[in-house]
């Protein structure tokens, strides 16, 4: 279990701290150091790690409880990662405030993801990690523990909120964020750069876990709704599908061969071009269907982190 990066209007602070607090190899002291550094770099943090207001282009996590709000990449080498994703995704990068190991990926000037080159130093695998908006990081961490999940790091304070890195009871890693979130990123908006799919042994059991932890289907208007569609659990925020939980047929026995993980999906204009660039820049094509509607491909970057690209802006790969 490991990684982190999450931020609201200040991607720099959490990008840097997130990487340093990656679960597994990071010690508690290391996590605290990262959090302190982020606070110093990003500015003063309100009491308790929470901000008292929001900046332009942001909203509080309480406005989208349980919805995906950020993704981060734990990489081995920053230059290699930037070269790969610059070519495959067309992203540009700007330095994060907390050191040479971290950067923020942008598309058309808007933050898309955090990148932290700390996989080698922490002896962990390169991977993408999603973050979900919550009302209270402390309460969410308690819920995870009570339901058999694991806390890797946090909650720790950042300039605009608080974050924690966790895993569900089947081992899938995810993060939570309490505080400001970027309205230009929020997954329920048309401009969302990413959506998520949980590959797990038992989607129904996972839906119960995440529903209780993230307040899915709680009945409040700001919370996510859950539906069962085509043997998947589909999570909606503000009427838009933002995540899917998949394990095969709901009535089937859980698949012991599935290694539970959250898969990040990015919408792109040209899947075939992404496939070509992946091979050219040292990555690997895991699977693809360019004749599907919409076309999609599952890719691994040069460090081995897996993600999926889907044509258009619907975010539904159909596979």
C-alpha atoms as a PDB file:
ATOM      1  CA  UNK A   1       0.000   0.000   0.000  1.00  0.00           C
ATOM      2  CA  UNK A   2       1.456   3.273  -0.931  1.00  0.00           C
ATOM      3  CA  UNK A   3       1.256   6.634  -2.537  1.00  0.00           C
ATOM      4  CA  UNK A   4      -0.388  10.015  -2.296  1.00  0.00           C
ATOM      5  CA  UNK A   5      -1.003  13.312  -3.903  1.00  0.00           C
ATOM      6  CA  UNK A   6      -4.150  15.235  -3.598  1.00  0.00           C
ATOM      7  CA  UNK A   7      -4.906  18.780  -3.622  1.00  0.00           C
ATOM      8  CA  UNK A   8      -7.520  21.336  -4.065  1.00  0.00           C
ATOM      9  CA  UNK A   9      -6.569  24.687  -5.593  1.00  0.00           C
ATOM     10  CA  UNK A  10      -2.957  24.210  -4.512  1.00  0.00           C
ATOM     11  CA  UNK A  11      -1.792  20.989  -6.173  1.00  0.00           C
ATOM     12  CA  UNK A  12       1.827  21.651  -5.201  1.00  0.00           C
ATOM     13  CA  UNK A  13       1.487  21.061  -1.504  1.00  0.00           C
ATOM     14  CA  UNK A  14      -0.363  17.782  -1.586  1.00  0.00           C
ATOM     15  CA  UNK A  15       1.494  16.503  -4.620  1.00  0.00           C
ATOM     16  CA  UNK A  16       4.762  16.722  -2.756  1.00  0.00           C
ATOM     17  CA  UNK A  17       3.453  15.559   0.575  1.00  0.00           C
ATOM     18  CA  UNK A  18       1.370  12.847  -0.959  1.00  0.00           C
ATOM     19  CA  UNK A  19       4.312  11.220  -2.603  1.00  0.00           C
ATOM     20  CA  UNK A  20       6.402  11.386   0.533  1.00  0.00           C
ATOM     21  CA  UNK A  21       3.649   9.850   2.636  1.00  0.00           C
ATOM     22  CA  UNK A  22       3.178   6.890   0.328  1.00  0.00           C
ATOM     23  CA  UNK A  23       1.869   3.973   2.307  1.00  0.00           C
ATOM     24  CA  UNK A  24       4.031   1.039   3.143  1.00  0.00           C
ATOM     25  CA  UNK A  25       7.593   2.256   3.024  1.00  0.00           C
ATOM     26  CA  UNK A  26       7.042   5.626   4.666  1.00  0.00           C
ATOM     27  CA  UNK A  27       7.448   5.873   8.417  1.00  0.00           C
ATOM     28  CA  UNK A  28       5.164   7.920  10.605  1.00  0.00           C
ATOM     29  CA  UNK A  29       7.936  10.427  11.089  1.00  0.00           C
ATOM     30  CA  UNK A  30       8.422  10.680   7.347  1.00  0.00           C
ATOM     31  CA  UNK A  31       4.739  11.351   6.845  1.00  0.00           C
ATOM     32  CA  UNK A  32       4.739  14.051   9.488  1.00  0.00           C
ATOM     33  CA  UNK A  33       7.769  15.687   7.926  1.00  0.00           C
ATOM     34  CA  UNK A  34       6.074  15.724   4.555  1.00  0.00           C
ATOM     35  CA  UNK A  35       2.933  17.225   5.991  1.00  0.00           C
ATOM     36  CA  UNK A  36       4.865  19.908   7.797  1.00  0.00           C
ATOM     37  CA  UNK A  37       6.798  20.770   4.690  1.00  0.00           C
ATOM     38  CA  UNK A  38       3.613  21.075   2.692  1.00  0.00           C
ATOM     39  CA  UNK A  39       2.135  23.418   5.236  1.00  0.00           C
ATOM     40  CA  UNK A  40       5.218  25.599   5.248  1.00  0.00           C
ATOM     41  CA  UNK A  41       5.370  25.730   1.470  1.00  0.00           C
ATOM     42  CA  UNK A  42       1.687  26.196   0.865  1.00  0.00           C
ATOM     43  CA  UNK A  43       0.980  28.728   3.578  1.00  0.00           C
ATOM     44  CA  UNK A  44      -0.643  28.690   6.978  1.00  0.00           C
ATOM     45  CA  UNK A  45      -3.176  25.972   7.668  1.00  0.00           C
ATOM     46  CA  UNK A  46      -6.329  26.764   9.569  1.00  0.00           C
ATOM     47  CA  UNK A  47      -6.774  25.199  12.989  1.00  0.00           C
ATOM     48  CA  UNK A  48      -7.262  21.469  12.738  1.00  0.00           C
ATOM     49  CA  UNK A  49      -5.911  21.422   9.214  1.00  0.00           C
ATOM     50  CA  UNK A  50      -9.117  22.818   7.711  1.00  0.00           C
ATOM     51  CA  UNK A  51      -9.475  26.042   5.781  1.00  0.00           C
ATOM     52  CA  UNK A  52     -12.209  28.488   6.677  1.00  0.00           C
ATOM     53  CA  UNK A  53     -13.081  29.444   3.102  1.00  0.00           C
ATOM     54  CA  UNK A  54     -12.508  28.578  -0.513  1.00  0.00           C
ATOM     55  CA  UNK A  55     -10.567  30.172  -3.318  1.00  0.00           C
ATOM     56  CA  UNK A  56     -11.761  31.037  -6.787  1.00  0.00           C
ATOM     57  CA  UNK A  57     -12.296  27.863  -8.823  1.00  0.00           C
ATOM     58  CA  UNK A  58     -12.704  25.655  -5.769  1.00  0.00           C
ATOM     59  CA  UNK A  59     -15.395  24.253  -3.514  1.00  0.00           C
ATOM     60  CA  UNK A  60     -15.403  22.385  -0.231  1.00  0.00           C
ATOM     61  CA  UNK A  61     -15.344  18.589  -0.244  1.00  0.00           C
ATOM     62  CA  UNK A  62     -18.682  18.639   1.571  1.00  0.00           C
ATOM     63  CA  UNK A  63     -20.278  19.699  -1.730  1.00  0.00           C
ATOM     64  CA  UNK A  64     -19.401  16.355  -3.378  1.00  0.00           C
ATOM     65  CA  UNK A  65     -19.184  13.807  -0.580  1.00  0.00           C
ATOM     66  CA  UNK A  66     -17.807  10.446  -1.712  1.00  0.00           C
ATOM     67  CA  UNK A  67     -16.977  11.617  -5.242  1.00  0.00           C
ATOM     68  CA  UNK A  68     -13.513  11.237  -6.825  1.00  0.00           C
ATOM     69  CA  UNK A  69     -11.654  14.532  -6.545  1.00  0.00           C
ATOM     70  CA  UNK A  70      -8.010  13.890  -7.562  1.00  0.00           C
ATOM     71  CA  UNK A  71      -5.558  11.268  -8.844  1.00  0.00           C
ATOM     72  CA  UNK A  72      -1.839  10.912  -8.254  1.00  0.00           C
ATOM     73  CA  UNK A  73       0.985   8.929  -9.804  1.00  0.00           C
ATOM     74  CA  UNK A  74       3.782   7.364  -7.806  1.00  0.00           C
ATOM     75  CA  UNK A  75       6.658   7.155 -10.299  1.00  0.00           C
ATOM     76  CA  UNK A  76      10.265   5.988 -10.220  1.00  0.00           C
ATOM     77  CA  UNK A  77      11.809   8.810 -12.220  1.00  0.00           C
ATOM     78  CA  UNK A  78      10.218  12.218 -12.738  1.00  0.00           C
ATOM     79  CA  UNK A  79      11.875  12.963 -16.075  1.00  0.00           C
ATOM     80  CA  UNK A  80      10.836   9.586 -17.481  1.00  0.00           C
ATOM     81  CA  UNK A  81       7.263   9.996 -16.250  1.00  0.00           C
ATOM     82  CA  UNK A  82       6.950  13.497 -17.656  1.00  0.00           C
ATOM     83  CA  UNK A  83       8.376  12.432 -20.999  1.00  0.00           C
ATOM     84  CA  UNK A  84       5.990   9.488 -21.214  1.00  0.00           C
ATOM     85  CA  UNK A  85       2.795  11.261 -20.210  1.00  0.00           C
ATOM     86  CA  UNK A  86       3.717  14.345 -22.182  1.00  0.00           C
ATOM     87  CA  UNK A  87       3.912  12.203 -25.314  1.00  0.00           C
ATOM     88  CA  UNK A  88       0.993   9.860 -24.595  1.00  0.00           C
ATOM     89  CA  UNK A  89      -1.468  12.249 -22.956  1.00  0.00           C
ATOM     90  CA  UNK A  90      -0.249  15.613 -24.219  1.00  0.00           C
ATOM     91  CA  UNK A  91       0.173  16.895 -20.676  1.00  0.00           C
ATOM     92  CA  UNK A  92       2.476  19.692 -19.625  1.00  0.00           C
ATOM     93  CA  UNK A  93       4.171  19.842 -16.229  1.00  0.00           C
ATOM     94  CA  UNK A  94       5.092  22.481 -13.739  1.00  0.00           C
ATOM     95  CA  UNK A  95       7.279  22.016 -10.670  1.00  0.00           C
ATOM     96  CA  UNK A  96       5.636  21.472  -7.326  1.00  0.00           C
ATOM     97  CA  UNK A  97       6.775  23.741  -4.516  1.00  0.00           C
ATOM     98  CA  UNK A  98       8.360  21.057  -2.376  1.00  0.00           C
ATOM     99  CA  UNK A  99      11.274  19.746  -4.370  1.00  0.00           C
ATOM    100  CA  UNK A 100      12.655  18.224  -7.502  1.00  0.00           C
ATOM    101  CA  UNK A 101      10.871  14.884  -7.051  1.00  0.00           C
ATOM    102  CA  UNK A 102       7.395  16.309  -7.573  1.00  0.00           C
ATOM    103  CA  UNK A 103       5.381  17.984 -10.306  1.00  0.00           C
ATOM    104  CA  UNK A 104       1.814  18.794 -11.295  1.00  0.00           C
ATOM    105  CA  UNK A 105       0.475  17.599 -14.657  1.00  0.00           C
ATOM    106  CA  UNK A 106      -1.719  20.083 -16.498  1.00  0.00           C
ATOM    107  CA  UNK A 107      -3.939  19.981 -19.583  1.00  0.00           C
ATOM    108  CA  UNK A 108      -4.857  23.273 -21.237  1.00  0.00           C
ATOM    109  CA  UNK A 109      -3.518  25.003 -18.158  1.00  0.00           C
ATOM    110  CA  UNK A 110      -5.701  23.093 -15.688  1.00  0.00           C
ATOM    111  CA  UNK A 111      -4.259  20.684 -13.086  1.00  0.00           C
ATOM    112  CA  UNK A 112      -4.958  17.062 -13.997  1.00  0.00           C
ATOM    113  CA  UNK A 113      -2.835  14.910 -11.669  1.00  0.00           C
ATOM    114  CA  UNK A 114       0.016  14.931  -9.200  1.00  0.00           C
ATOM    115  CA  UNK A 115       3.291  13.124  -9.885  1.00  0.00           C
ATOM    116  CA  UNK A 116       5.781  12.074  -7.208  1.00  0.00           C
ATOM    117  CA  UNK A 117       9.005  10.266  -8.094  1.00  0.00           C
ATOM    118  CA  UNK A 118       9.356   8.372  -4.834  1.00  0.00           C
ATOM    119  CA  UNK A 119       8.669   4.746  -5.817  1.00  0.00           C
ATOM    120  CA  UNK A 120      12.359   3.775  -5.888  1.00  0.00           C
ATOM    121  CA  UNK A 121      13.301   5.429  -2.597  1.00  0.00           C
ATOM    122  CA  UNK A 122      10.341   3.838  -0.816  1.00  0.00           C
ATOM    123  CA  UNK A 123      10.779   0.500  -2.636  1.00  0.00           C
ATOM    124  CA  UNK A 124       7.186   0.418  -3.832  1.00  0.00           C
ATOM    125  CA  UNK A 125       5.572  -0.198  -7.199  1.00  0.00           C
ATOM    126  CA  UNK A 126       4.714   2.652  -9.531  1.00  0.00           C
ATOM    127  CA  UNK A 127       0.939   3.162  -9.476  1.00  0.00           C
ATOM    128  CA  UNK A 128      -1.977   5.542  -9.896  1.00  0.00           C
ATOM    129  CA  UNK A 129      -4.046   6.346  -6.790  1.00  0.00           C
ATOM    130  CA  UNK A 130      -7.501   8.000  -6.655  1.00  0.00           C
ATOM    131  CA  UNK A 131      -8.721  10.363  -3.933  1.00  0.00           C
ATOM    132  CA  UNK A 132     -12.313  10.810  -2.732  1.00  0.00           C
ATOM    133  CA  UNK A 133     -13.873  13.882  -1.122  1.00  0.00           C
ATOM    134  CA  UNK A 134     -15.105  13.422   2.464  1.00  0.00           C
ATOM    135  CA  UNK A 135     -16.739  15.504   5.170  1.00  0.00           C
ATOM    136  CA  UNK A 136     -14.313  14.410   7.885  1.00  0.00           C
ATOM    137  CA  UNK A 137     -10.984  12.676   7.355  1.00  0.00           C
ATOM    138  CA  UNK A 138     -10.894  11.523  10.981  1.00  0.00           C
ATOM    139  CA  UNK A 139     -14.350   9.975  10.854  1.00  0.00           C
ATOM    140  CA  UNK A 140     -13.652   8.301   7.505  1.00  0.00           C
ATOM    141  CA  UNK A 141     -10.415   6.755   8.765  1.00  0.00           C
ATOM    142  CA  UNK A 142     -12.292   5.398  11.788  1.00  0.00           C
ATOM    143  CA  UNK A 143     -14.944   3.890   9.536  1.00  0.00           C
ATOM    144  CA  UNK A 144     -12.295   2.192   7.391  1.00  0.00           C
ATOM    145  CA  UNK A 145     -10.650   0.614  10.431  1.00  0.00           C
ATOM    146  CA  UNK A 146     -13.968  -0.520  11.898  1.00  0.00           C
ATOM    147  CA  UNK A 147     -14.820  -2.289   8.639  1.00  0.00           C
ATOM    148  CA  UNK A 148     -11.559  -4.174   8.198  1.00  0.00           C
ATOM    149  CA  UNK A 149      -9.655  -1.694   6.041  1.00  0.00           C
ATOM    150  CA  UNK A 150      -6.183  -0.327   6.709  1.00  0.00           C
ATOM    151  CA  UNK A 151      -4.760   3.133   7.336  1.00  0.00           C
ATOM    152  CA  UNK A 152      -1.397   3.660   5.675  1.00  0.00           C
ATOM    153  CA  UNK A 153      -0.852   7.373   6.332  1.00  0.00           C
ATOM    154  CA  UNK A 154      -2.788  10.155   7.987  1.00  0.00           C
ATOM    155  CA  UNK A 155      -4.893  12.030   8.327  1.00  0.00           C
ATOM    156  CA  UNK A 156      -2.267  14.731   7.851  1.00  0.00           C
ATOM    157  CA  UNK A 157      -2.791  18.491   7.379  1.00  0.00           C
ATOM    158  CA  UNK A 158      -2.187  20.485   4.205  1.00  0.00           C
ATOM    159  CA  UNK A 159      -2.733  24.154   3.430  1.00  0.00           C
ATOM    160  CA  UNK A 160      -6.246  23.591   2.109  1.00  0.00           C
ATOM    161  CA  UNK A 161      -7.406  20.498   3.962  1.00  0.00           C
ATOM    162  CA  UNK A 162      -6.479  17.074   5.296  1.00  0.00           C
ATOM    163  CA  UNK A 163      -5.651  13.795   3.572  1.00  0.00           C
ATOM    164  CA  UNK A 164      -5.189  10.118   4.373  1.00  0.00           C
ATOM    165  CA  UNK A 165      -4.066   7.092   2.403  1.00  0.00           C
ATOM    166  CA  UNK A 166      -6.030   3.892   3.009  1.00  0.00           C
ATOM    167  CA  UNK A 167      -6.847   0.457   1.632  1.00  0.00           C
ATOM    168  CA  UNK A 168     -10.143  -1.395   1.629  1.00  0.00           C
ATOM    169  CA  UNK A 169     -10.515  -4.807   3.238  1.00  0.00           C
ATOM    170  CA  UNK A 170      -9.449  -6.525   0.014  1.00  0.00           C
ATOM    171  CA  UNK A 171      -6.277  -4.432  -0.317  1.00  0.00           C
ATOM    172  CA  UNK A 172      -7.251  -1.844  -2.969  1.00  0.00           C
ATOM    173  CA  UNK A 173      -5.469   1.448  -2.221  1.00  0.00           C
ATOM    174  CA  UNK A 174      -7.292   4.777  -2.228  1.00  0.00           C
ATOM    175  CA  UNK A 175      -7.003   8.205  -0.642  1.00  0.00           C
ATOM    176  CA  UNK A 176      -9.447  10.616   0.987  1.00  0.00           C
ATOM    177  CA  UNK A 177      -9.470  14.407   1.063  1.00  0.00           C
ATOM    178  CA  UNK A 178     -11.265  16.812   3.422  1.00  0.00           C
ATOM    179  CA  UNK A 179     -11.093  20.443   2.343  1.00  0.00           C
ATOM    180  CA  UNK A 180     -11.047  22.423  -0.887  1.00  0.00           C
ATOM    181  CA  UNK A 181     -11.476  20.627  -4.199  1.00  0.00           C
ATOM    182  CA  UNK A 182     -10.942  21.945  -7.712  1.00  0.00           C
ATOM    183  CA  UNK A 183     -14.209  22.618  -9.509  1.00  0.00           C
ATOM    184  CA  UNK A 184     -12.350  22.259 -12.834  1.00  0.00           C
ATOM    185  CA  UNK A 185     -11.364  18.685 -11.891  1.00  0.00           C
ATOM    186  CA  UNK A 186     -14.430  17.334 -10.142  1.00  0.00           C
ATOM    187  CA  UNK A 187     -15.422  14.103 -11.793  1.00  0.00           C
ATOM    188  CA  UNK A 188     -19.101  14.908 -12.049  1.00  0.00           C
ATOM    189  CA  UNK A 189     -18.391  17.880 -14.297  1.00  0.00           C
ATOM    190  CA  UNK A 190     -18.226  17.683 -18.069  1.00  0.00           C
ATOM    191  CA  UNK A 191     -14.576  18.765 -18.000  1.00  0.00           C
ATOM    192  CA  UNK A 192     -13.515  15.957 -15.662  1.00  0.00           C
ATOM    193  CA  UNK A 193     -10.177  14.482 -16.759  1.00  0.00           C
ATOM    194  CA  UNK A 194     -10.642  11.105 -15.125  1.00  0.00           C
ATOM    195  CA  UNK A 195     -13.081   8.531 -13.823  1.00  0.00           C
ATOM    196  CA  UNK A 196     -12.484   5.311 -11.917  1.00  0.00           C
ATOM    197  CA  UNK A 197     -13.187   1.591 -11.919  1.00  0.00           C
ATOM    198  CA  UNK A 198     -12.560  -0.729  -8.992  1.00  0.00           C
ATOM    199  CA  UNK A 199     -11.474  -4.202 -10.075  1.00  0.00           C
ATOM    200  CA  UNK A 200     -12.249  -6.388  -7.098  1.00  0.00           C
ATOM    201  CA  UNK A 201     -13.205  -9.906  -6.039  1.00  0.00           C
ATOM    202  CA  UNK A 202     -16.742  -9.024  -4.960  1.00  0.00           C
ATOM    203  CA  UNK A 203     -18.258  -5.770  -6.234  1.00  0.00           C
ATOM    204  CA  UNK A 204     -21.336  -6.110  -4.024  1.00  0.00           C
ATOM    205  CA  UNK A 205     -19.256  -6.458  -0.854  1.00  0.00           C
ATOM    206  CA  UNK A 206     -17.014  -3.586  -1.977  1.00  0.00           C
ATOM    207  CA  UNK A 207     -20.063  -1.389  -2.568  1.00  0.00           C
ATOM    208  CA  UNK A 208     -21.176  -2.004   0.998  1.00  0.00           C
ATOM    209  CA  UNK A 209     -17.703  -1.112   2.315  1.00  0.00           C
ATOM    210  CA  UNK A 210     -17.320   2.092   0.301  1.00  0.00           C
ATOM    211  CA  UNK A 211     -20.946   3.046   0.807  1.00  0.00           C
ATOM    212  CA  UNK A 212     -20.515   2.963   4.569  1.00  0.00           C
ATOM    213  CA  UNK A 213     -17.102   4.642   4.474  1.00  0.00           C
ATOM    214  CA  UNK A 214     -17.826   7.367   1.887  1.00  0.00           C
ATOM    215  CA  UNK A 215     -21.547   7.943   2.555  1.00  0.00           C
ATOM    216  CA  UNK A 216     -22.659   6.609  -0.807  1.00  0.00           C
ATOM    217  CA  UNK A 217     -26.447   6.285  -1.148  1.00  0.00           C
ATOM    218  CA  UNK A 218     -27.016   8.044   2.172  1.00  0.00           C
ATOM    219  CA  UNK A 219     -29.928  10.106   0.839  1.00  0.00           C
ATOM    220  CA  UNK A 220     -28.339  13.545   1.236  1.00  0.00           C
ATOM    221  CA  UNK A 221     -28.240  15.632  -1.975  1.00  0.00           C
ATOM    222  CA  UNK A 222     -24.477  16.189  -1.838  1.00  0.00           C
ATOM    223  CA  UNK A 223     -23.712  12.465  -1.580  1.00  0.00           C
ATOM    224  CA  UNK A 224     -23.218   9.939  -4.366  1.00  0.00           C
ATOM    225  CA  UNK A 225     -25.955   7.604  -5.550  1.00  0.00           C
ATOM    226  CA  UNK A 226     -25.422   3.930  -6.387  1.00  0.00           C
ATOM    227  CA  UNK A 227     -27.079   1.830  -9.092  1.00  0.00           C
ATOM    228  CA  UNK A 228     -26.575  -1.728 -10.368  1.00  0.00           C
ATOM    229  CA  UNK A 229     -26.098  -1.839 -14.134  1.00  0.00           C
ATOM    230  CA  UNK A 230     -24.925  -4.675 -16.365  1.00  0.00           C
ATOM    231  CA  UNK A 231     -23.342  -6.640 -13.507  1.00  0.00           C
ATOM    232  CA  UNK A 232     -21.513  -3.581 -12.149  1.00  0.00           C
ATOM    233  CA  UNK A 233     -22.072  -1.184  -9.275  1.00  0.00           C
ATOM    234  CA  UNK A 234     -22.164   2.339 -10.730  1.00  0.00           C
ATOM    235  CA  UNK A 235     -21.556   5.420  -8.577  1.00  0.00           C
ATOM    236  CA  UNK A 236     -23.185   8.711  -9.601  1.00  0.00           C
ATOM    237  CA  UNK A 237     -22.369  12.212  -8.380  1.00  0.00           C
ATOM    238  CA  UNK A 238     -24.667  15.060  -9.459  1.00  0.00           C
ATOM    239  CA  UNK A 239     -26.174  12.761 -12.075  1.00  0.00           C
ATOM    240  CA  UNK A 240     -22.871  11.776 -13.693  1.00  0.00           C
ATOM    241  CA  UNK A 241     -21.244   8.332 -13.447  1.00  0.00           C
ATOM    242  CA  UNK A 242     -17.900   8.812 -11.722  1.00  0.00           C
ATOM    243  CA  UNK A 243     -16.902   5.290 -10.677  1.00  0.00           C
ATOM    244  CA  UNK A 244     -17.725   1.659 -11.371  1.00  0.00           C
ATOM    245  CA  UNK A 245     -17.127  -1.397  -9.209  1.00  0.00           C
ATOM    246  CA  UNK A 246     -16.665  -4.592 -11.182  1.00  0.00           C
ATOM    247  CA  UNK A 247     -16.110  -8.272 -10.353  1.00  0.00           C
ATOM    248  CA  UNK A 248     -18.077 -10.099 -13.028  1.00  0.00           C
ATOM    249  CA  UNK A 249     -21.661 -11.265 -12.557  1.00  0.00           C
ATOM    250  CA  UNK A 250     -23.145 -10.143  -9.248  1.00  0.00           C
ATOM    251  CA  UNK A 251     -24.555 -13.627  -8.590  1.00  0.00           C
ATOM    252  CA  UNK A 252     -21.215 -15.323  -9.368  1.00  0.00           C
ATOM    253  CA  UNK A 253     -18.756 -16.435  -6.719  1.00  0.00           C
ATOM    254  CA  UNK A 254     -16.019 -13.896  -5.960  1.00  0.00           C
ATOM    255  CA  UNK A 255     -13.058 -14.341  -8.290  1.00  0.00           C
ATOM    256  CA  UNK A 256      -9.960 -15.246  -6.190  1.00  0.00           C
ATOM    257  CA  UNK A 257      -7.699 -14.465  -9.157  1.00  0.00           C
ATOM    258  CA  UNK A 258      -8.541 -10.759  -9.244  1.00  0.00           C
ATOM    259  CA  UNK A 259      -6.041  -8.527  -7.464  1.00  0.00           C
ATOM    260  CA  UNK A 260      -8.202  -5.685  -6.167  1.00  0.00           C
ATOM    261  CA  UNK A 261      -7.176  -2.226  -7.395  1.00  0.00           C
ATOM    262  CA  UNK A 262      -8.620   1.084  -8.504  1.00  0.00           C
ATOM    263  CA  UNK A 263      -8.015   1.703 -12.212  1.00  0.00           C
ATOM    264  CA  UNK A 264      -7.853   5.313 -13.400  1.00  0.00           C
ATOM    265  CA  UNK A 265      -9.478   6.057 -16.772  1.00  0.00           C
ATOM    266  CA  UNK A 266      -8.618   9.171 -18.801  1.00  0.00           C
ATOM    267  CA  UNK A 267     -10.639  10.460 -21.737  1.00  0.00           C
ATOM    268  CA  UNK A 268      -8.580  11.268 -24.830  1.00  0.00           C
ATOM    269  CA  UNK A 269      -9.202  12.434 -28.380  1.00  0.00           C
ATOM    270  CA  UNK A 270      -7.239   9.651 -30.113  1.00  0.00           C
ATOM    271  CA  UNK A 271      -6.759   6.277 -28.414  1.00  0.00           C
ATOM    272  CA  UNK A 272      -4.719   4.873 -31.293  1.00  0.00           C
ATOM    273  CA  UNK A 273      -2.226   7.738 -31.020  1.00  0.00           C
ATOM    274  CA  UNK A 274      -1.881   7.018 -27.296  1.00  0.00           C
ATOM    275  CA  UNK A 275      -1.170   3.363 -28.074  1.00  0.00           C
ATOM    276  CA  UNK A 276       1.558   4.298 -30.567  1.00  0.00           C
ATOM    277  CA  UNK A 277       3.162   6.788 -28.191  1.00  0.00           C
ATOM    278  CA  UNK A 278       3.079   4.242 -25.351  1.00  0.00           C
ATOM    279  CA  UNK A 279       5.223   1.808 -27.340  1.00  0.00           C
ATOM    280  CA  UNK A 280       7.544   4.563 -28.541  1.00  0.00           C
ATOM    281  CA  UNK A 281       8.209   5.894 -25.049  1.00  0.00           C
ATOM    282  CA  UNK A 282       8.897   2.609 -23.288  1.00  0.00           C
ATOM    283  CA  UNK A 283       5.435   1.646 -22.107  1.00  0.00           C
ATOM    284  CA  UNK A 284       3.343  -1.456 -22.732  1.00  0.00           C
ATOM    285  CA  UNK A 285      -0.132  -2.052 -24.143  1.00  0.00           C
ATOM    286  CA  UNK A 286      -1.942  -4.412 -21.763  1.00  0.00           C
ATOM    287  CA  UNK A 287      -5.196  -4.646 -23.706  1.00  0.00           C
ATOM    288  CA  UNK A 288      -7.088  -2.651 -26.311  1.00  0.00           C
ATOM    289  CA  UNK A 289     -10.189  -2.549 -28.473  1.00  0.00           C
ATOM    290  CA  UNK A 290      -9.881   0.161 -31.100  1.00  0.00           C
ATOM    291  CA  UNK A 291     -13.064  -0.983 -32.825  1.00  0.00           C
ATOM    292  CA  UNK A 292     -15.217  -0.597 -29.722  1.00  0.00           C
ATOM    293  CA  UNK A 293     -17.554   2.356 -29.327  1.00  0.00           C
ATOM    294  CA  UNK A 294     -15.853   4.223 -27.843  1.00  0.00           C
ATOM    295  CA  UNK A 295     -12.339   2.815 -28.482  1.00  0.00           C
ATOM    296  CA  UNK A 296     -10.221   2.118 -25.411  1.00  0.00           C
ATOM    297  CA  UNK A 297      -6.818   0.797 -24.360  1.00  0.00           C
ATOM    298  CA  UNK A 298      -5.300  -0.305 -21.069  1.00  0.00           C
ATOM    299  CA  UNK A 299      -1.693   0.867 -20.868  1.00  0.00           C
ATOM    300  CA  UNK A 300       1.331   0.648 -18.600  1.00  0.00           C
ATOM    301  CA  UNK A 301       3.788   3.521 -18.453  1.00  0.00           C
ATOM    302  CA  UNK A 302       7.569   3.128 -18.568  1.00  0.00           C
ATOM    303  CA  UNK A 303       7.646   2.446 -14.811  1.00  0.00           C
ATOM    304  CA  UNK A 304       4.804  -0.078 -14.895  1.00  0.00           C
ATOM    305  CA  UNK A 305       1.903   2.040 -13.589  1.00  0.00           C
ATOM    306  CA  UNK A 306      -1.325   0.935 -15.270  1.00  0.00           C
ATOM    307  CA  UNK A 307      -4.126   3.195 -16.523  1.00  0.00           C
ATOM    308  CA  UNK A 308      -6.765   3.229 -19.263  1.00  0.00           C
ATOM    309  CA  UNK A 309      -7.534   5.731 -22.023  1.00  0.00           C
ATOM    310  CA  UNK A 310     -10.997   6.034 -23.551  1.00  0.00           C
ATOM    311  CA  UNK A 311     -12.021   8.023 -26.609  1.00  0.00           C
ATOM    312  CA  UNK A 312     -14.326  11.008 -26.202  1.00  0.00           C
ATOM    313  CA  UNK A 313     -15.687  12.511 -23.004  1.00  0.00           C
ATOM    314  CA  UNK A 314     -18.207   9.872 -21.930  1.00  0.00           C
ATOM    315  CA  UNK A 315     -15.731   7.870 -19.864  1.00  0.00           C
ATOM    316  CA  UNK A 316     -17.466   4.562 -20.587  1.00  0.00           C
ATOM    317  CA  UNK A 317     -15.098   2.007 -22.151  1.00  0.00           C
ATOM    318  CA  UNK A 318     -17.712  -0.638 -22.612  1.00  0.00           C
ATOM    319  CA  UNK A 319     -15.294  -3.304 -21.428  1.00  0.00           C
END
